[in-house]
Amino acid sequence: MWAPRDFSYRKFARKYEQDGAGDVLRSSAEFATRKLLAPPVLHRLIDSGHVRTIDRDELLALSDRCTCLARADFVTVS
């Protein structure tokens, strides 16, 4: 799950010395969310069909389109 270099006491101590306790806590919470919480939640949403993913070929086919989310239409650009 975590590589040995993802979280170390040296990184934690350096962050604490440079930025203080508040930033260390925020960064630690962000790190834990990104590494532990987000992946299983995202995989579950993808598997259940709530989040749609596209493959490389579909991405390439859509690469010349600019989508306007406010109007829900698209424009083909050269």
C-alpha atoms as a PDB file:
ATOM      1  CA  MET A   1       0.000   0.000   0.000  1.00  0.00           C
ATOM      2  CA  TRP A   2       2.530   2.624   1.093  1.00  0.00           C
ATOM      3  CA  ALA A   3       6.066   2.699  -0.180  1.00  0.00           C
ATOM      4  CA  PRO A   4       8.620   3.146   2.616  1.00  0.00           C
ATOM      5  CA  ARG A   5       9.382   6.677   1.456  1.00  0.00           C
ATOM      6  CA  ASP A   6       5.727   7.818   1.472  1.00  0.00           C
ATOM      7  CA  PHE A   7       5.691   8.603   5.171  1.00  0.00           C
ATOM      8  CA  SER A   8       8.768   8.909   7.320  1.00  0.00           C
ATOM      9  CA  TYR A   9       9.625  10.499  10.622  1.00  0.00           C
ATOM     10  CA  ARG A  10      12.265  12.672   8.927  1.00  0.00           C
ATOM     11  CA  LYS A  11       9.718  14.132   6.505  1.00  0.00           C
ATOM     12  CA  PHE A  12       7.264  14.679   9.341  1.00  0.00           C
ATOM     13  CA  ALA A  13       9.883  16.389  11.537  1.00  0.00           C
ATOM     14  CA  ARG A  14      11.111  18.583   8.678  1.00  0.00           C
ATOM     15  CA  LYS A  15       7.560  19.661   7.851  1.00  0.00           C
ATOM     16  CA  TYR A  16       6.914  20.402  11.516  1.00  0.00           C
ATOM     17  CA  GLU A  17      10.066  22.523  11.799  1.00  0.00           C
ATOM     18  CA  GLN A  18       9.382  24.443   8.586  1.00  0.00           C
ATOM     19  CA  ASP A  19       5.629  24.958   8.715  1.00  0.00           C
ATOM     20  CA  GLY A  20       4.420  24.293  12.255  1.00  0.00           C
ATOM     21  CA  ALA A  21       1.879  21.986  13.849  1.00  0.00           C
ATOM     22  CA  GLY A  22      -1.198  23.233  11.967  1.00  0.00           C
ATOM     23  CA  ASP A  23       0.276  22.599   8.542  1.00  0.00           C
ATOM     24  CA  VAL A  24       1.596  19.210   9.649  1.00  0.00           C
ATOM     25  CA  LEU A  25      -1.886  18.161  10.738  1.00  0.00           C
ATOM     26  CA  ARG A  26      -3.489  19.418   7.527  1.00  0.00           C
ATOM     27  CA  SER A  27      -0.858  17.749   5.379  1.00  0.00           C
ATOM     28  CA  SER A  28      -1.144  14.485   7.309  1.00  0.00           C
ATOM     29  CA  ALA A  29      -4.924  14.468   6.905  1.00  0.00           C
ATOM     30  CA  GLU A  30      -4.618  15.217   3.182  1.00  0.00           C
ATOM     31  CA  PHE A  31      -2.023  12.475   2.769  1.00  0.00           C
ATOM     32  CA  ALA A  32      -4.136   9.890   4.599  1.00  0.00           C
ATOM     33  CA  THR A  33      -7.212  10.851   2.576  1.00  0.00           C
ATOM     34  CA  ARG A  34      -5.345  10.669  -0.717  1.00  0.00           C
ATOM     35  CA  LYS A  35      -3.538   7.409   0.018  1.00  0.00           C
ATOM     36  CA  LEU A  36      -6.015   5.475   2.182  1.00  0.00           C
ATOM     37  CA  LEU A  37      -9.552   6.763   1.713  1.00  0.00           C
ATOM     38  CA  ALA A  38      -9.797   7.974  -1.871  1.00  0.00           C
ATOM     39  CA  PRO A  39      -8.643   4.875  -3.802  1.00  0.00           C
ATOM     40  CA  PRO A  40     -11.225   2.407  -2.408  1.00  0.00           C
ATOM     41  CA  VAL A  41     -14.019   4.978  -2.645  1.00  0.00           C
ATOM     42  CA  LEU A  42     -13.119   5.837  -6.231  1.00  0.00           C
ATOM     43  CA  HIS A  43     -12.840   2.175  -7.242  1.00  0.00           C
ATOM     44  CA  ARG A  44     -16.224   1.443  -5.713  1.00  0.00           C
ATOM     45  CA  LEU A  45     -17.798   4.383  -7.607  1.00  0.00           C
ATOM     46  CA  ILE A  46     -16.223   3.187 -10.860  1.00  0.00           C
ATOM     47  CA  ASP A  47     -17.321  -0.424 -10.315  1.00  0.00           C
ATOM     48  CA  SER A  48     -20.893   0.622  -9.481  1.00  0.00           C
ATOM     49  CA  GLY A  49     -21.135   2.798 -12.602  1.00  0.00           C
ATOM     50  CA  HIS A  50     -21.485   6.147 -10.833  1.00  0.00           C
ATOM     51  CA  VAL A  51     -18.188   7.361 -12.299  1.00  0.00           C
ATOM     52  CA  ARG A  52     -17.479   6.694 -15.953  1.00  0.00           C
ATOM     53  CA  THR A  53     -13.929   6.142 -17.164  1.00  0.00           C
ATOM     54  CA  ILE A  54     -12.713   6.216 -20.733  1.00  0.00           C
ATOM     55  CA  ASP A  55      -9.903   4.283 -22.364  1.00  0.00           C
ATOM     56  CA  ARG A  56      -6.999   5.718 -24.328  1.00  0.00           C
ATOM     57  CA  ASP A  57      -8.685   5.318 -27.738  1.00  0.00           C
ATOM     58  CA  GLU A  58     -11.822   7.131 -26.607  1.00  0.00           C
ATOM     59  CA  LEU A  59      -9.702   9.865 -25.043  1.00  0.00           C
ATOM     60  CA  LEU A  60      -7.847  10.327 -28.325  1.00  0.00           C
ATOM     61  CA  ALA A  61     -11.138  10.434 -30.255  1.00  0.00           C
ATOM     62  CA  LEU A  62     -12.423  13.173 -27.945  1.00  0.00           C
ATOM     63  CA  SER A  63      -9.206  15.194 -27.942  1.00  0.00           C
ATOM     64  CA  ASP A  64     -10.342  17.634 -30.647  1.00  0.00           C
ATOM     65  CA  ARG A  65     -13.547  18.620 -28.826  1.00  0.00           C
ATOM     66  CA  CYS A  66     -14.028  21.425 -26.353  1.00  0.00           C
ATOM     67  CA  THR A  67     -16.966  20.805 -24.016  1.00  0.00           C
ATOM     68  CA  CYS A  68     -18.905  23.672 -22.486  1.00  0.00           C
ATOM     69  CA  LEU A  69     -20.425  22.388 -19.247  1.00  0.00           C
ATOM     70  CA  ALA A  70     -22.691  25.400 -18.798  1.00  0.00           C
ATOM     71  CA  ARG A  71     -24.529  24.727 -22.069  1.00  0.00           C
ATOM     72  CA  ALA A  72     -23.940  20.943 -22.259  1.00  0.00           C
ATOM     73  CA  ASP A  73     -22.706  21.096 -25.847  1.00  0.00           C
ATOM     74  CA  PHE A  74     -19.362  20.816 -27.572  1.00  0.00           C
ATOM     75  CA  VAL A  75     -17.387  22.462 -30.345  1.00  0.00           C
ATOM     76  CA  THR A  76     -14.894  20.686 -32.599  1.00  0.00           C
ATOM     77  CA  VAL A  77     -11.620  22.578 -32.960  1.00  0.00           C
ATOM     78  CA  SER A  78      -8.805  22.016 -35.392  1.00  0.00           C
END
